[in-house]
Amino acid sequence: MIRREGYLVWIRSFDVRKSKSEGRRVPANLAVKNPTPEMIVKAAESLGWRAEPLPLSHPSEWWRKGAAVLIMPPAGVTKQRAIRLIAQKMRGERY
């Protein structure tokens, strides 16, 4: 297993078309339609965090092309808190 700094965030975590059991990690009112890695990177950078898109396939859909973003929030920010803050930022900029 490769050890990385920060958190690996899948784009499906923000997709309103996915159910919680399919990998959405935010409430439907914070999710967006067709999220892209660029949207996640832009939201993370607007929060002052470093972010790097990665061309990875989600383990549950290894045959489908997907993407993830490696985010590096400050110490003390949990992964769930980071995902929620990014979702709020993406939702605010999109609508």
PDB file of N, CA and C in Angstrom:
ATOM      1  N   MET A   1       0.839  -1.179   0.000  1.00  0.00           N
ATOM      2  CA  MET A   1       0.000   0.000   0.000  1.00  0.00           C
ATOM      3  C   MET A   1       0.884   1.241   0.000  1.00  0.00           C
ATOM      4  N   ILE A   2       0.528   2.190  -0.822  1.00  0.00           N
ATOM      5  CA  ILE A   2       1.280   3.433  -0.909  1.00  0.00           C
ATOM      6  C   ILE A   2       0.767   4.391   0.158  1.00  0.00           C
ATOM      7  N   ARG A   3       1.669   4.941   0.920  1.00  0.00           N
ATOM      8  CA  ARG A   3       1.304   5.905   1.965  1.00  0.00           C
ATOM      9  C   ARG A   3       1.445   7.305   1.387  1.00  0.00           C
ATOM     10  N   ARG A   4       0.389   8.094   1.479  1.00  0.00           N
ATOM     11  CA  ARG A   4       0.410   9.460   0.963  1.00  0.00           C
ATOM     12  C   ARG A   4       0.063  10.435   2.077  1.00  0.00           C
ATOM     13  N   GLU A   5       0.539  11.650   1.913  1.00  0.00           N
ATOM     14  CA  GLU A   5       0.084  12.719   2.797  1.00  0.00           C
ATOM     15  C   GLU A   5      -1.289  13.158   2.316  1.00  0.00           C
ATOM     16  N   GLY A   6      -2.118  13.585   3.218  1.00  0.00           N
ATOM     17  CA  GLY A   6      -3.426  14.095   2.838  1.00  0.00           C
ATOM     18  C   GLY A   6      -4.451  12.986   2.683  1.00  0.00           C
ATOM     19  N   TYR A   7      -5.542  13.322   1.990  1.00  0.00           N
ATOM     20  CA  TYR A   7      -6.658  12.403   1.813  1.00  0.00           C
ATOM     21  C   TYR A   7      -6.941  12.213   0.331  1.00  0.00           C
ATOM     22  N   LEU A   8      -7.289  10.992  -0.037  1.00  0.00           N
ATOM     23  CA  LEU A   8      -7.701  10.686  -1.397  1.00  0.00           C
ATOM     24  C   LEU A   8      -9.219  10.810  -1.453  1.00  0.00           C
ATOM     25  N   VAL A   9      -9.708  11.699  -2.293  1.00  0.00           N
ATOM     26  CA  VAL A   9     -11.139  11.972  -2.397  1.00  0.00           C
ATOM     27  C   VAL A   9     -11.598  11.589  -3.800  1.00  0.00           C
ATOM     28  N   TRP A  10     -12.597  10.738  -3.885  1.00  0.00           N
ATOM     29  CA  TRP A  10     -13.137  10.296  -5.171  1.00  0.00           C
ATOM     30  C   TRP A  10     -14.199  11.278  -5.647  1.00  0.00           C
ATOM     31  N   ILE A  11     -14.291  11.487  -6.968  1.00  0.00           N
ATOM     32  CA  ILE A  11     -15.295  12.430  -7.480  1.00  0.00           C
ATOM     33  C   ILE A  11     -16.711  11.927  -7.219  1.00  0.00           C
ATOM     34  N   ARG A  12     -16.886  10.614  -7.117  1.00  0.00           N
ATOM     35  CA  ARG A  12     -18.219  10.074  -6.852  1.00  0.00           C
ATOM     36  C   ARG A  12     -18.739  10.486  -5.473  1.00  0.00           C
ATOM     37  N   SER A  13     -17.864  10.950  -4.600  1.00  0.00           N
ATOM     38  CA  SER A  13     -18.282  11.400  -3.268  1.00  0.00           C
ATOM     39  C   SER A  13     -19.183  12.625  -3.336  1.00  0.00           C
ATOM     40  N   PHE A  14     -19.141  13.356  -4.460  1.00  0.00           N
ATOM     41  CA  PHE A  14     -19.877  14.613  -4.608  1.00  0.00           C
ATOM     42  C   PHE A  14     -20.997  14.534  -5.646  1.00  0.00           C
ATOM     43  N   ASP A  15     -21.211  13.358  -6.251  1.00  0.00           N
ATOM     44  CA  ASP A  15     -22.156  13.204  -7.357  1.00  0.00           C
ATOM     45  C   ASP A  15     -23.573  12.992  -6.831  1.00  0.00           C
ATOM     46  N   VAL A  16     -24.471  13.897  -7.183  1.00  0.00           N
ATOM     47  CA  VAL A  16     -25.852  13.832  -6.713  1.00  0.00           C
ATOM     48  C   VAL A  16     -26.568  12.608  -7.283  1.00  0.00           C
ATOM     49  N   ARG A  17     -26.103  12.078  -8.402  1.00  0.00           N
ATOM     50  CA  ARG A  17     -26.750  10.922  -9.020  1.00  0.00           C
ATOM     51  C   ARG A  17     -26.387   9.601  -8.335  1.00  0.00           C
ATOM     52  N   LYS A  18     -25.413   9.616  -7.446  1.00  0.00           N
ATOM     53  CA  LYS A  18     -25.008   8.412  -6.715  1.00  0.00           C
ATOM     54  C   LYS A  18     -25.726   8.370  -5.369  1.00  0.00           C
ATOM     55  N   SER A  19     -26.075   7.174  -4.947  1.00  0.00           N
ATOM     56  CA  SER A  19     -26.659   7.018  -3.613  1.00  0.00           C
ATOM     57  C   SER A  19     -25.533   6.904  -2.595  1.00  0.00           C
ATOM     58  N   LYS A  20     -25.893   6.957  -1.333  1.00  0.00           N
ATOM     59  CA  LYS A  20     -24.881   6.805  -0.287  1.00  0.00           C
ATOM     60  C   LYS A  20     -24.200   5.444  -0.404  1.00  0.00           C
ATOM     61  N   SER A  21     -24.966   4.403  -0.730  1.00  0.00           N
ATOM     62  CA  SER A  21     -24.377   3.071  -0.851  1.00  0.00           C
ATOM     63  C   SER A  21     -23.484   2.949  -2.084  1.00  0.00           C
ATOM     64  N   GLU A  22     -23.641   3.842  -3.045  1.00  0.00           N
ATOM     65  CA  GLU A  22     -22.789   3.846  -4.239  1.00  0.00           C
ATOM     66  C   GLU A  22     -21.564   4.742  -4.070  1.00  0.00           C
ATOM     67  N   GLY A  23     -21.432   5.383  -2.916  1.00  0.00           N
ATOM     68  CA  GLY A  23     -20.214   6.127  -2.649  1.00  0.00           C
ATOM     69  C   GLY A  23     -20.346   7.617  -2.427  1.00  0.00           C
ATOM     70  N   ARG A  24     -21.579   8.168  -2.487  1.00  0.00           N
ATOM     71  CA  ARG A  24     -21.716   9.601  -2.211  1.00  0.00           C
ATOM     72  C   ARG A  24     -21.461   9.832  -0.733  1.00  0.00           C
ATOM     73  N   ARG A  25     -20.640  10.820  -0.407  1.00  0.00           N
ATOM     74  CA  ARG A  25     -20.249  11.059   0.989  1.00  0.00           C
ATOM     75  C   ARG A  25     -20.842  12.341   1.559  1.00  0.00           C
ATOM     76  N   VAL A  26     -21.591  13.084   0.755  1.00  0.00           N
ATOM     77  CA  VAL A  26     -22.193  14.335   1.225  1.00  0.00           C
ATOM     78  C   VAL A  26     -23.706  14.244   1.078  1.00  0.00           C
ATOM     79  N   PRO A  27     -24.461  15.044   1.836  1.00  0.00           N
ATOM     80  CA  PRO A  27     -25.913  15.052   1.670  1.00  0.00           C
ATOM     81  C   PRO A  27     -26.292  15.488   0.252  1.00  0.00           C
ATOM     82  N   ALA A  28     -27.445  15.042  -0.205  1.00  0.00           N
ATOM     83  CA  ALA A  28     -27.887  15.354  -1.565  1.00  0.00           C
ATOM     84  C   ALA A  28     -27.987  16.856  -1.805  1.00  0.00           C
ATOM     85  N   ASN A  29     -28.299  17.635  -0.776  1.00  0.00           N
ATOM     86  CA  ASN A  29     -28.419  19.086  -0.976  1.00  0.00           C
ATOM     87  C   ASN A  29     -27.058  19.763  -1.155  1.00  0.00           C
ATOM     88  N   LEU A  30     -25.954  19.066  -0.845  1.00  0.00           N
ATOM     89  CA  LEU A  30     -24.614  19.618  -1.073  1.00  0.00           C
ATOM     90  C   LEU A  30     -23.936  19.002  -2.294  1.00  0.00           C
ATOM     91  N   ALA A  31     -24.498  17.914  -2.805  1.00  0.00           N
ATOM     92  CA  ALA A  31     -23.898  17.243  -3.957  1.00  0.00           C
ATOM     93  C   ALA A  31     -24.179  18.033  -5.234  1.00  0.00           C
ATOM     94  N   VAL A  32     -23.348  17.804  -6.245  1.00  0.00           N
ATOM     95  CA  VAL A  32     -23.503  18.496  -7.528  1.00  0.00           C
ATOM     96  C   VAL A  32     -23.662  17.471  -8.642  1.00  0.00           C
ATOM     97  N   LYS A  33     -24.190  17.925  -9.759  1.00  0.00           N
ATOM     98  CA  LYS A  33     -24.354  17.063 -10.916  1.00  0.00           C
ATOM     99  C   LYS A  33     -23.066  17.103 -11.737  1.00  0.00           C
ATOM    100  N   ASN A  34     -22.577  15.949 -12.122  1.00  0.00           N
ATOM    101  CA  ASN A  34     -21.364  15.809 -12.936  1.00  0.00           C
ATOM    102  C   ASN A  34     -20.146  16.518 -12.334  1.00  0.00           C
ATOM    103  N   PRO A  35     -19.721  16.138 -11.142  1.00  0.00           N
ATOM    104  CA  PRO A  35     -18.511  16.761 -10.588  1.00  0.00           C
ATOM    105  C   PRO A  35     -17.276  16.340 -11.385  1.00  0.00           C
ATOM    106  N   THR A  36     -16.307  17.223 -11.455  1.00  0.00           N
ATOM    107  CA  THR A  36     -15.058  16.933 -12.155  1.00  0.00           C
ATOM    108  C   THR A  36     -13.895  17.113 -11.186  1.00  0.00           C
ATOM    109  N   PRO A  37     -12.767  16.490 -11.486  1.00  0.00           N
ATOM    110  CA  PRO A  37     -11.594  16.697 -10.632  1.00  0.00           C
ATOM    111  C   PRO A  37     -11.184  18.165 -10.572  1.00  0.00           C
ATOM    112  N   GLU A  38     -11.363  18.877 -11.674  1.00  0.00           N
ATOM    113  CA  GLU A  38     -10.998  20.296 -11.708  1.00  0.00           C
ATOM    114  C   GLU A  38     -11.843  21.108 -10.732  1.00  0.00           C
ATOM    115  N   MET A  39     -13.124  20.754 -10.605  1.00  0.00           N
ATOM    116  CA  MET A  39     -13.994  21.452  -9.654  1.00  0.00           C
ATOM    117  C   MET A  39     -13.521  21.223  -8.222  1.00  0.00           C
ATOM    118  N   ILE A  40     -13.116  19.996  -7.919  1.00  0.00           N
ATOM    119  CA  ILE A  40     -12.646  19.668  -6.570  1.00  0.00           C
ATOM    120  C   ILE A  40     -11.337  20.388  -6.281  1.00  0.00           C
ATOM    121  N   VAL A  41     -10.430  20.396  -7.263  1.00  0.00           N
ATOM    122  CA  VAL A  41      -9.142  21.085  -7.094  1.00  0.00           C
ATOM    123  C   VAL A  41      -9.373  22.574  -6.867  1.00  0.00           C
ATOM    124  N   LYS A  42     -10.251  23.168  -7.661  1.00  0.00           N
ATOM    125  CA  LYS A  42     -10.533  24.602  -7.531  1.00  0.00           C
ATOM    126  C   LYS A  42     -11.122  24.925  -6.157  1.00  0.00           C
ATOM    127  N   ALA A  43     -12.049  24.084  -5.685  1.00  0.00           N
ATOM    128  CA  ALA A  43     -12.659  24.306  -4.371  1.00  0.00           C
ATOM    129  C   ALA A  43     -11.627  24.148  -3.257  1.00  0.00           C
ATOM    130  N   ALA A  44     -10.778  23.131  -3.363  1.00  0.00           N
ATOM    131  CA  ALA A  44      -9.750  22.912  -2.335  1.00  0.00           C
ATOM    132  C   ALA A  44      -8.750  24.059  -2.315  1.00  0.00           C
ATOM    133  N   GLU A  45      -8.348  24.521  -3.487  1.00  0.00           N
ATOM    134  CA  GLU A  45      -7.385  25.625  -3.542  1.00  0.00           C
ATOM    135  C   GLU A  45      -7.997  26.922  -3.038  1.00  0.00           C
ATOM    136  N   SER A  46      -9.308  27.111  -3.232  1.00  0.00           N
ATOM    137  CA  SER A  46      -9.952  28.319  -2.709  1.00  0.00           C
ATOM    138  C   SER A  46     -10.025  28.277  -1.176  1.00  0.00           C
ATOM    139  N   LEU A  47      -9.930  27.075  -0.604  1.00  0.00           N
ATOM    140  CA  LEU A  47      -9.864  26.936   0.854  1.00  0.00           C
ATOM    141  C   LEU A  47      -8.432  27.065   1.364  1.00  0.00           C
ATOM    142  N   GLY A  48      -7.486  27.218   0.443  1.00  0.00           N
ATOM    143  CA  GLY A  48      -6.088  27.371   0.822  1.00  0.00           C
ATOM    144  C   GLY A  48      -5.351  26.050   0.968  1.00  0.00           C
ATOM    145  N   TRP A  49      -5.909  24.975   0.415  1.00  0.00           N
ATOM    146  CA  TRP A  49      -5.297  23.656   0.509  1.00  0.00           C
ATOM    147  C   TRP A  49      -4.620  23.297  -0.808  1.00  0.00           C
ATOM    148  N   ARG A  50      -3.618  22.450  -0.727  1.00  0.00           N
ATOM    149  CA  ARG A  50      -3.016  21.919  -1.950  1.00  0.00           C
ATOM    150  C   ARG A  50      -3.883  20.758  -2.433  1.00  0.00           C
ATOM    151  N   ALA A  51      -3.979  20.598  -3.737  1.00  0.00           N
ATOM    152  CA  ALA A  51      -4.774  19.517  -4.311  1.00  0.00           C
ATOM    153  C   ALA A  51      -4.136  19.070  -5.618  1.00  0.00           C
ATOM    154  N   GLU A  52      -4.209  17.774  -5.866  1.00  0.00           N
ATOM    155  CA  GLU A  52      -3.600  17.205  -7.067  1.00  0.00           C
ATOM    156  C   GLU A  52      -4.541  16.148  -7.649  1.00  0.00           C
ATOM    157  N   PRO A  53      -5.016  16.327  -8.897  1.00  0.00           N
ATOM    158  CA  PRO A  53      -5.884  15.314  -9.506  1.00  0.00           C
ATOM    159  C   PRO A  53      -5.078  14.066  -9.879  1.00  0.00           C
ATOM    160  N   LEU A  54      -5.717  12.912  -9.732  1.00  0.00           N
ATOM    161  CA  LEU A  54      -5.076  11.638 -10.047  1.00  0.00           C
ATOM    162  C   LEU A  54      -5.992  10.819 -10.957  1.00  0.00           C
ATOM    163  N   PRO A  55      -5.461  10.232 -12.023  1.00  0.00           N
ATOM    164  CA  PRO A  55      -6.289   9.408 -12.923  1.00  0.00           C
ATOM    165  C   PRO A  55      -6.415   7.982 -12.385  1.00  0.00           C
ATOM    166  N   LEU A  56      -7.323   7.764 -11.453  1.00  0.00           N
ATOM    167  CA  LEU A  56      -7.512   6.458 -10.829  1.00  0.00           C
ATOM    168  C   LEU A  56      -8.927   5.959 -11.065  1.00  0.00           C
ATOM    169  N   SER A  57      -9.096   4.660 -11.069  1.00  0.00           N
ATOM    170  CA  SER A  57     -10.424   4.057 -11.121  1.00  0.00           C
ATOM    171  C   SER A  57     -10.825   3.663  -9.707  1.00  0.00           C
ATOM    172  N   HIS A  58     -12.091   3.868  -9.381  1.00  0.00           N
ATOM    173  CA  HIS A  58     -12.575   3.498  -8.050  1.00  0.00           C
ATOM    174  C   HIS A  58     -12.519   1.976  -7.925  1.00  0.00           C
ATOM    175  N   PRO A  59     -12.093   1.453  -6.784  1.00  0.00           N
ATOM    176  CA  PRO A  59     -11.962   0.001  -6.632  1.00  0.00           C
ATOM    177  C   PRO A  59     -13.243  -0.788  -6.909  1.00  0.00           C
ATOM    178  N   SER A  60     -14.402  -0.222  -6.615  1.00  0.00           N
ATOM    179  CA  SER A  60     -15.642  -0.957  -6.862  1.00  0.00           C
ATOM    180  C   SER A  60     -16.045  -0.942  -8.337  1.00  0.00           C
ATOM    181  N   GLU A  61     -15.458  -0.046  -9.123  1.00  0.00           N
ATOM    182  CA  GLU A  61     -15.709   0.021 -10.569  1.00  0.00           C
ATOM    183  C   GLU A  61     -14.374   0.143 -11.282  1.00  0.00           C
ATOM    184  N   TRP A  62     -13.532  -0.867 -11.110  1.00  0.00           N
ATOM    185  CA  TRP A  62     -12.170  -0.819 -11.623  1.00  0.00           C
ATOM    186  C   TRP A  62     -12.113  -0.757 -13.139  1.00  0.00           C
ATOM    187  N   TRP A  63     -13.140  -1.208 -13.837  1.00  0.00           N
ATOM    188  CA  TRP A  63     -13.150  -1.223 -15.296  1.00  0.00           C
ATOM    189  C   TRP A  63     -13.533   0.130 -15.890  1.00  0.00           C
ATOM    190  N   ARG A  64     -14.118   0.994 -15.100  1.00  0.00           N
ATOM    191  CA  ARG A  64     -14.589   2.296 -15.565  1.00  0.00           C
ATOM    192  C   ARG A  64     -13.538   3.363 -15.282  1.00  0.00           C
ATOM    193  N   LYS A  65     -13.296   4.221 -16.259  1.00  0.00           N
ATOM    194  CA  LYS A  65     -12.349   5.315 -16.032  1.00  0.00           C
ATOM    195  C   LYS A  65     -12.941   6.258 -15.001  1.00  0.00           C
ATOM    196  N   GLY A  66     -12.129   6.637 -14.068  1.00  0.00           N
ATOM    197  CA  GLY A  66     -12.586   7.529 -13.014  1.00  0.00           C
ATOM    198  C   GLY A  66     -11.493   8.509 -12.656  1.00  0.00           C
ATOM    199  N   ALA A  67     -11.682   9.165 -11.555  1.00  0.00           N
ATOM    200  CA  ALA A  67     -10.678  10.126 -11.107  1.00  0.00           C
ATOM    201  C   ALA A  67     -10.815  10.321  -9.610  1.00  0.00           C
ATOM    202  N   ALA A  68      -9.731  10.767  -9.045  1.00  0.00           N
ATOM    203  CA  ALA A  68      -9.690  11.098  -7.627  1.00  0.00           C
ATOM    204  C   ALA A  68      -8.812  12.330  -7.478  1.00  0.00           C
ATOM    205  N   VAL A  69      -8.887  12.949  -6.335  1.00  0.00           N
ATOM    206  CA  VAL A  69      -8.067  14.122  -6.051  1.00  0.00           C
ATOM    207  C   VAL A  69      -7.402  13.896  -4.699  1.00  0.00           C
ATOM    208  N   LEU A  70      -6.117  14.127  -4.652  1.00  0.00           N
ATOM    209  CA  LEU A  70      -5.377  14.069  -3.402  1.00  0.00           C
ATOM    210  C   LEU A  70      -5.398  15.471  -2.812  1.00  0.00           C
ATOM    211  N   ILE A  71      -6.064  15.621  -1.664  1.00  0.00           N
ATOM    212  CA  ILE A  71      -6.150  16.935  -1.019  1.00  0.00           C
ATOM    213  C   ILE A  71      -5.297  16.931   0.236  1.00  0.00           C
ATOM    214  N   MET A  72      -4.738  18.081   0.549  1.00  0.00           N
ATOM    215  CA  MET A  72      -3.889  18.219   1.727  1.00  0.00           C
ATOM    216  C   MET A  72      -4.378  19.378   2.591  1.00  0.00           C
ATOM    217  N   PRO A  73      -5.403  19.113   3.425  1.00  0.00           N
ATOM    218  CA  PRO A  73      -5.885  20.162   4.329  1.00  0.00           C
ATOM    219  C   PRO A  73      -4.939  20.312   5.511  1.00  0.00           C
ATOM    220  N   PRO A  74      -5.106  21.352   6.303  1.00  0.00           N
ATOM    221  CA  PRO A  74      -4.242  21.516   7.476  1.00  0.00           C
ATOM    222  C   PRO A  74      -4.480  20.408   8.499  1.00  0.00           C
ATOM    223  N   ALA A  75      -3.530  20.242   9.379  1.00  0.00           N
ATOM    224  CA  ALA A  75      -3.642  19.226  10.431  1.00  0.00           C
ATOM    225  C   ALA A  75      -4.876  19.505  11.286  1.00  0.00           C
ATOM    226  N   GLY A  76      -5.532  18.461  11.698  1.00  0.00           N
ATOM    227  CA  GLY A  76      -6.714  18.609  12.535  1.00  0.00           C
ATOM    228  C   GLY A  76      -8.021  18.573  11.774  1.00  0.00           C
ATOM    229  N   VAL A  77      -7.974  18.645  10.452  1.00  0.00           N
ATOM    230  CA  VAL A  77      -9.187  18.573   9.640  1.00  0.00           C
ATOM    231  C   VAL A  77      -9.376  17.115   9.231  1.00  0.00           C
ATOM    232  N   THR A  78     -10.495  16.522   9.644  1.00  0.00           N
ATOM    233  CA  THR A  78     -10.762  15.128   9.298  1.00  0.00           C
ATOM    234  C   THR A  78     -11.163  15.019   7.830  1.00  0.00           C
ATOM    235  N   LYS A  79     -11.123  13.807   7.314  1.00  0.00           N
ATOM    236  CA  LYS A  79     -11.485  13.595   5.914  1.00  0.00           C
ATOM    237  C   LYS A  79     -12.945  13.977   5.669  1.00  0.00           C
ATOM    238  N   GLN A  80     -13.844  13.571   6.562  1.00  0.00           N
ATOM    239  CA  GLN A  80     -15.255  13.894   6.378  1.00  0.00           C
ATOM    240  C   GLN A  80     -15.485  15.400   6.424  1.00  0.00           C
ATOM    241  N   ARG A  81     -14.813  16.095   7.312  1.00  0.00           N
ATOM    242  CA  ARG A  81     -14.939  17.558   7.397  1.00  0.00           C
ATOM    243  C   ARG A  81     -14.402  18.210   6.127  1.00  0.00           C
ATOM    244  N   ALA A  82     -13.284  17.707   5.624  1.00  0.00           N
ATOM    245  CA  ALA A  82     -12.699  18.244   4.394  1.00  0.00           C
ATOM    246  C   ALA A  82     -13.645  18.044   3.214  1.00  0.00           C
ATOM    247  N   ILE A  83     -14.250  16.867   3.117  1.00  0.00           N
ATOM    248  CA  ILE A  83     -15.188  16.582   2.025  1.00  0.00           C
ATOM    249  C   ILE A  83     -16.387  17.515   2.103  1.00  0.00           C
ATOM    250  N   ARG A  84     -16.908  17.725   3.298  1.00  0.00           N
ATOM    251  CA  ARG A  84     -18.070  18.611   3.460  1.00  0.00           C
ATOM    252  C   ARG A  84     -17.721  20.055   3.094  1.00  0.00           C
ATOM    253  N   LEU A  85     -16.562  20.539   3.507  1.00  0.00           N
ATOM    254  CA  LEU A  85     -16.151  21.909   3.175  1.00  0.00           C
ATOM    255  C   LEU A  85     -15.977  22.082   1.668  1.00  0.00           C
ATOM    256  N   ILE A  86     -15.394  21.093   1.018  1.00  0.00           N
ATOM    257  CA  ILE A  86     -15.230  21.154  -0.436  1.00  0.00           C
ATOM    258  C   ILE A  86     -16.596  21.151  -1.111  1.00  0.00           C
ATOM    259  N   ALA A  87     -17.517  20.313  -0.640  1.00  0.00           N
ATOM    260  CA  ALA A  87     -18.862  20.260  -1.218  1.00  0.00           C
ATOM    261  C   ALA A  87     -19.579  21.600  -1.068  1.00  0.00           C
ATOM    262  N   GLN A  88     -19.463  22.218   0.094  1.00  0.00           N
ATOM    263  CA  GLN A  88     -20.095  23.523   0.305  1.00  0.00           C
ATOM    264  C   GLN A  88     -19.508  24.560  -0.641  1.00  0.00           C
ATOM    265  N   LYS A  89     -18.206  24.524  -0.830  1.00  0.00           N
ATOM    266  CA  LYS A  89     -17.545  25.474  -1.723  1.00  0.00           C
ATOM    267  C   LYS A  89     -17.975  25.234  -3.171  1.00  0.00           C
ATOM    268  N   MET A  90     -18.025  23.970  -3.594  1.00  0.00           N
ATOM    269  CA  MET A  90     -18.438  23.645  -4.967  1.00  0.00           C
ATOM    270  C   MET A  90     -19.891  24.037  -5.200  1.00  0.00           C
ATOM    271  N   ARG A  91     -20.740  23.765  -4.254  1.00  0.00           N
ATOM    272  CA  ARG A  91     -22.162  24.086  -4.390  1.00  0.00           C
ATOM    273  C   ARG A  91     -22.362  25.603  -4.466  1.00  0.00           C
ATOM    274  N   GLY A  92     -21.611  26.351  -3.666  1.00  0.00           N
ATOM    275  CA  GLY A  92     -21.726  27.804  -3.666  1.00  0.00           C
ATOM    276  C   GLY A  92     -21.249  28.435  -4.958  1.00  0.00           C
ATOM    277  N   GLU A  93     -20.230  27.864  -5.581  1.00  0.00           N
ATOM    278  CA  GLU A  93     -19.699  28.427  -6.819  1.00  0.00           C
ATOM    279  C   GLU A  93     -20.509  28.012  -8.033  1.00  0.00           C
ATOM    280  N   ARG A  94     -21.169  26.868  -7.944  1.00  0.00           N
ATOM    281  CA  ARG A  94     -21.877  26.349  -9.108  1.00  0.00           C
ATOM    282  C   ARG A  94     -23.270  26.946  -9.240  1.00  0.00           C
ATOM    283  N   TYR A  95     -23.938  27.225  -8.115  1.00  0.00           N
ATOM    284  CA  TYR A  95     -25.314  27.720  -8.176  1.00  0.00           C
ATOM    285  C   TYR A  95     -25.443  29.090  -7.577  1.00  0.00           C
TER     286      TYR A  95
END
